[in-house]
Amino acid sequence: MIKQQGFTLIEVMVALLIVAVALAALSQTLAMFVNQQASLPERTYAGWIAQNRLTELQHSVGEEVELKSNTSLGGQEWQTEISLEPTPIPGMMRATVEVRLQGSEHLANRMVTVVGN
């Protein structure tokens, strides 16, 4: 009797299935990575704008604050919206700043802080 060497068709099909599943997972991971890298400048600019608005809010305690405003940065127009909510501590407010590109519904950044009255 001659002993045969090599892989059977079923072994080859199982190996191909494993490789196909691994490549599909890798493809999805790379797509998410590319999407995150593409939005990095937008998120960075939005973070700077949110920090500026929170600083303005903290320096204008006791004064009237514009809750919605537009800003230019990086050659783009940005919308900011501040919402103030009371906290259990008297005289303190929870401030949330949301930043998005002008006309976009996609939120680019959100920051939260606590400010005193």
C-alpha atoms as a PDB file:
ATOM      1  CA  MET A   1       0.000   0.000   0.000  1.00  0.00           C
ATOM      2  CA  ILE A   2       1.134   3.457  -0.869  1.00  0.00           C
ATOM      3  CA  LYS A   3       0.638   6.063   1.844  1.00  0.00           C
ATOM      4  CA  GLN A   4      -0.841   9.283   0.435  1.00  0.00           C
ATOM      5  CA  GLN A   5       0.446  12.664   1.499  1.00  0.00           C
ATOM      6  CA  GLY A   6      -1.212  16.094   1.350  1.00  0.00           C
ATOM      7  CA  PHE A   7      -4.461  17.666   2.433  1.00  0.00           C
ATOM      8  CA  THR A   8      -7.963  16.478   1.764  1.00  0.00           C
ATOM      9  CA  LEU A   9     -10.507  18.772   0.154  1.00  0.00           C
ATOM     10  CA  ILE A  10     -12.346  19.176   3.447  1.00  0.00           C
ATOM     11  CA  GLU A  11      -9.167  20.273   5.243  1.00  0.00           C
ATOM     12  CA  VAL A  12      -8.463  22.846   2.542  1.00  0.00           C
ATOM     13  CA  MET A  13     -12.058  24.173   2.717  1.00  0.00           C
ATOM     14  CA  VAL A  14     -11.873  24.530   6.527  1.00  0.00           C
ATOM     15  CA  ALA A  15      -8.568  26.380   6.260  1.00  0.00           C
ATOM     16  CA  LEU A  16     -10.017  28.731   3.631  1.00  0.00           C
ATOM     17  CA  LEU A  17     -13.044  29.393   5.834  1.00  0.00           C
ATOM     18  CA  ILE A  18     -10.816  30.303   8.787  1.00  0.00           C
ATOM     19  CA  VAL A  19      -8.719  32.629   6.632  1.00  0.00           C
ATOM     20  CA  ALA A  20     -11.853  34.267   5.167  1.00  0.00           C
ATOM     21  CA  VAL A  21     -13.316  34.966   8.629  1.00  0.00           C
ATOM     22  CA  ALA A  22     -10.002  36.393   9.856  1.00  0.00           C
ATOM     23  CA  LEU A  23      -9.662  38.644   6.801  1.00  0.00           C
ATOM     24  CA  ALA A  24     -13.236  39.906   7.190  1.00  0.00           C
ATOM     25  CA  ALA A  25     -12.572  40.822  10.838  1.00  0.00           C
ATOM     26  CA  LEU A  26      -9.307  42.523   9.894  1.00  0.00           C
ATOM     27  CA  SER A  27     -11.051  44.471   7.149  1.00  0.00           C
ATOM     28  CA  GLN A  28     -13.689  45.795   9.553  1.00  0.00           C
ATOM     29  CA  THR A  29     -11.044  46.777  12.097  1.00  0.00           C
ATOM     30  CA  LEU A  30      -9.039  48.651   9.481  1.00  0.00           C
ATOM     31  CA  ALA A  31     -12.165  50.452   8.244  1.00  0.00           C
ATOM     32  CA  MET A  32     -12.954  51.645  11.783  1.00  0.00           C
ATOM     33  CA  PHE A  33      -9.354  52.774  12.269  1.00  0.00           C
ATOM     34  CA  VAL A  34      -9.350  54.763   9.012  1.00  0.00           C
ATOM     35  CA  ASN A  35     -12.690  56.379   9.923  1.00  0.00           C
ATOM     36  CA  GLN A  36     -11.386  57.421  13.343  1.00  0.00           C
ATOM     37  CA  GLN A  37      -8.197  58.846  11.869  1.00  0.00           C
ATOM     38  CA  ALA A  38     -10.157  60.813   9.262  1.00  0.00           C
ATOM     39  CA  SER A  39     -12.282  62.469  11.960  1.00  0.00           C
ATOM     40  CA  LEU A  40      -9.327  63.288  14.242  1.00  0.00           C
ATOM     41  CA  PRO A  41      -8.841  66.924  13.074  1.00  0.00           C
ATOM     42  CA  GLU A  42     -12.575  67.571  13.444  1.00  0.00           C
ATOM     43  CA  ARG A  43     -12.637  66.166  16.978  1.00  0.00           C
ATOM     44  CA  THR A  44      -9.495  68.118  17.895  1.00  0.00           C
ATOM     45  CA  TYR A  45     -10.905  71.455  16.698  1.00  0.00           C
ATOM     46  CA  ALA A  46     -14.215  70.721  18.415  1.00  0.00           C
ATOM     47  CA  GLY A  47     -12.364  69.969  21.672  1.00  0.00           C
ATOM     48  CA  TRP A  48     -10.530  73.285  21.521  1.00  0.00           C
ATOM     49  CA  ILE A  49     -13.778  75.147  20.876  1.00  0.00           C
ATOM     50  CA  ALA A  50     -15.538  73.365  23.753  1.00  0.00           C
ATOM     51  CA  GLN A  51     -12.676  74.189  26.122  1.00  0.00           C
ATOM     52  CA  ASN A  52     -12.811  77.851  25.061  1.00  0.00           C
ATOM     53  CA  ARG A  53     -16.562  78.032  25.641  1.00  0.00           C
ATOM     54  CA  LEU A  54     -16.239  76.434  29.091  1.00  0.00           C
ATOM     55  CA  THR A  55     -13.487  78.886  29.999  1.00  0.00           C
ATOM     56  CA  GLU A  56     -15.683  81.785  28.869  1.00  0.00           C
ATOM     57  CA  LEU A  57     -18.524  80.377  30.949  1.00  0.00           C
ATOM     58  CA  GLN A  58     -16.347  80.040  34.054  1.00  0.00           C
ATOM     59  CA  HIS A  59     -15.090  83.620  33.680  1.00  0.00           C
ATOM     60  CA  SER A  60     -18.573  85.065  33.222  1.00  0.00           C
ATOM     61  CA  VAL A  61     -20.125  83.740  36.420  1.00  0.00           C
ATOM     62  CA  GLY A  62     -23.066  85.914  37.387  1.00  0.00           C
ATOM     63  CA  GLU A  63     -23.327  87.469  33.902  1.00  0.00           C
ATOM     64  CA  GLU A  64     -25.652  86.624  31.034  1.00  0.00           C
ATOM     65  CA  VAL A  65     -24.126  83.916  28.814  1.00  0.00           C
ATOM     66  CA  GLU A  66     -24.988  83.215  25.194  1.00  0.00           C
ATOM     67  CA  LEU A  67     -26.092  79.571  25.178  1.00  0.00           C
ATOM     68  CA  LYS A  68     -25.864  79.103  21.402  1.00  0.00           C
ATOM     69  CA  SER A  69     -23.096  80.577  19.313  1.00  0.00           C
ATOM     70  CA  ASN A  70     -21.131  80.126  16.091  1.00  0.00           C
ATOM     71  CA  THR A  71     -17.347  80.084  15.788  1.00  0.00           C
ATOM     72  CA  SER A  72     -14.832  79.873  12.944  1.00  0.00           C
ATOM     73  CA  LEU A  73     -11.808  77.616  13.348  1.00  0.00           C
ATOM     74  CA  GLY A  74      -9.709  75.688  10.868  1.00  0.00           C
ATOM     75  CA  GLY A  75     -11.521  77.203   7.919  1.00  0.00           C
ATOM     76  CA  GLN A  76     -14.857  75.799   9.096  1.00  0.00           C
ATOM     77  CA  GLU A  77     -17.911  77.148  10.881  1.00  0.00           C
ATOM     78  CA  TRP A  78     -18.840  75.513  14.184  1.00  0.00           C
ATOM     79  CA  GLN A  79     -22.005  75.616  16.305  1.00  0.00           C
ATOM     80  CA  THR A  80     -21.783  75.437  20.079  1.00  0.00           C
ATOM     81  CA  GLU A  81     -24.597  74.926  22.528  1.00  0.00           C
ATOM     82  CA  ILE A  82     -24.346  75.207  26.314  1.00  0.00           C
ATOM     83  CA  SER A  83     -26.890  73.623  28.618  1.00  0.00           C
ATOM     84  CA  LEU A  84     -26.963  74.403  32.339  1.00  0.00           C
ATOM     85  CA  GLU A  85     -28.522  72.102  34.911  1.00  0.00           C
ATOM     86  CA  PRO A  86     -28.750  72.503  38.681  1.00  0.00           C
ATOM     87  CA  THR A  87     -26.753  70.235  40.969  1.00  0.00           C
ATOM     88  CA  PRO A  88     -27.550  69.087  44.515  1.00  0.00           C
ATOM     89  CA  ILE A  89     -24.975  71.625  45.741  1.00  0.00           C
ATOM     90  CA  PRO A  90     -26.519  75.096  46.081  1.00  0.00           C
ATOM     91  CA  GLY A  91     -24.888  77.677  43.840  1.00  0.00           C
ATOM     92  CA  MET A  92     -23.349  75.100  41.505  1.00  0.00           C
ATOM     93  CA  MET A  93     -24.480  74.301  37.964  1.00  0.00           C
ATOM     94  CA  ARG A  94     -23.568  71.436  35.627  1.00  0.00           C
ATOM     95  CA  ALA A  95     -22.548  72.903  32.279  1.00  0.00           C
ATOM     96  CA  THR A  96     -22.465  70.814  29.113  1.00  0.00           C
ATOM     97  CA  VAL A  97     -21.002  72.166  25.864  1.00  0.00           C
ATOM     98  CA  GLU A  98     -21.805  70.418  22.603  1.00  0.00           C
ATOM     99  CA  VAL A  99     -19.887  71.293  19.444  1.00  0.00           C
ATOM    100  CA  ARG A 100     -20.759  70.348  15.865  1.00  0.00           C
ATOM    101  CA  LEU A 101     -19.974  71.550  12.382  1.00  0.00           C
ATOM    102  CA  GLN A 102     -22.380  74.193  11.064  1.00  0.00           C
ATOM    103  CA  GLY A 103     -25.463  72.439   9.694  1.00  0.00           C
ATOM    104  CA  SER A 104     -24.373  68.974  10.847  1.00  0.00           C
ATOM    105  CA  GLU A 105     -26.361  66.799  13.215  1.00  0.00           C
ATOM    106  CA  HIS A 106     -23.255  64.751  14.051  1.00  0.00           C
ATOM    107  CA  LEU A 107     -21.808  65.757  17.423  1.00  0.00           C
ATOM    108  CA  ALA A 108     -18.076  66.421  17.104  1.00  0.00           C
ATOM    109  CA  ASN A 109     -17.352  66.873  20.834  1.00  0.00           C
ATOM    110  CA  ARG A 110     -19.055  67.214  24.211  1.00  0.00           C
ATOM    111  CA  MET A 111     -17.509  68.488  27.435  1.00  0.00           C
ATOM    112  CA  VAL A 112     -18.996  68.759  30.890  1.00  0.00           C
ATOM    113  CA  THR A 113     -17.922  70.804  33.918  1.00  0.00           C
ATOM    114  CA  VAL A 114     -19.359  72.323  37.061  1.00  0.00           C
ATOM    115  CA  VAL A 115     -19.493  76.090  37.541  1.00  0.00           C
ATOM    116  CA  GLY A 116     -20.429  78.167  40.548  1.00  0.00           C
ATOM    117  CA  ASN A 117     -22.892  81.058  40.577  1.00  0.00           C
END
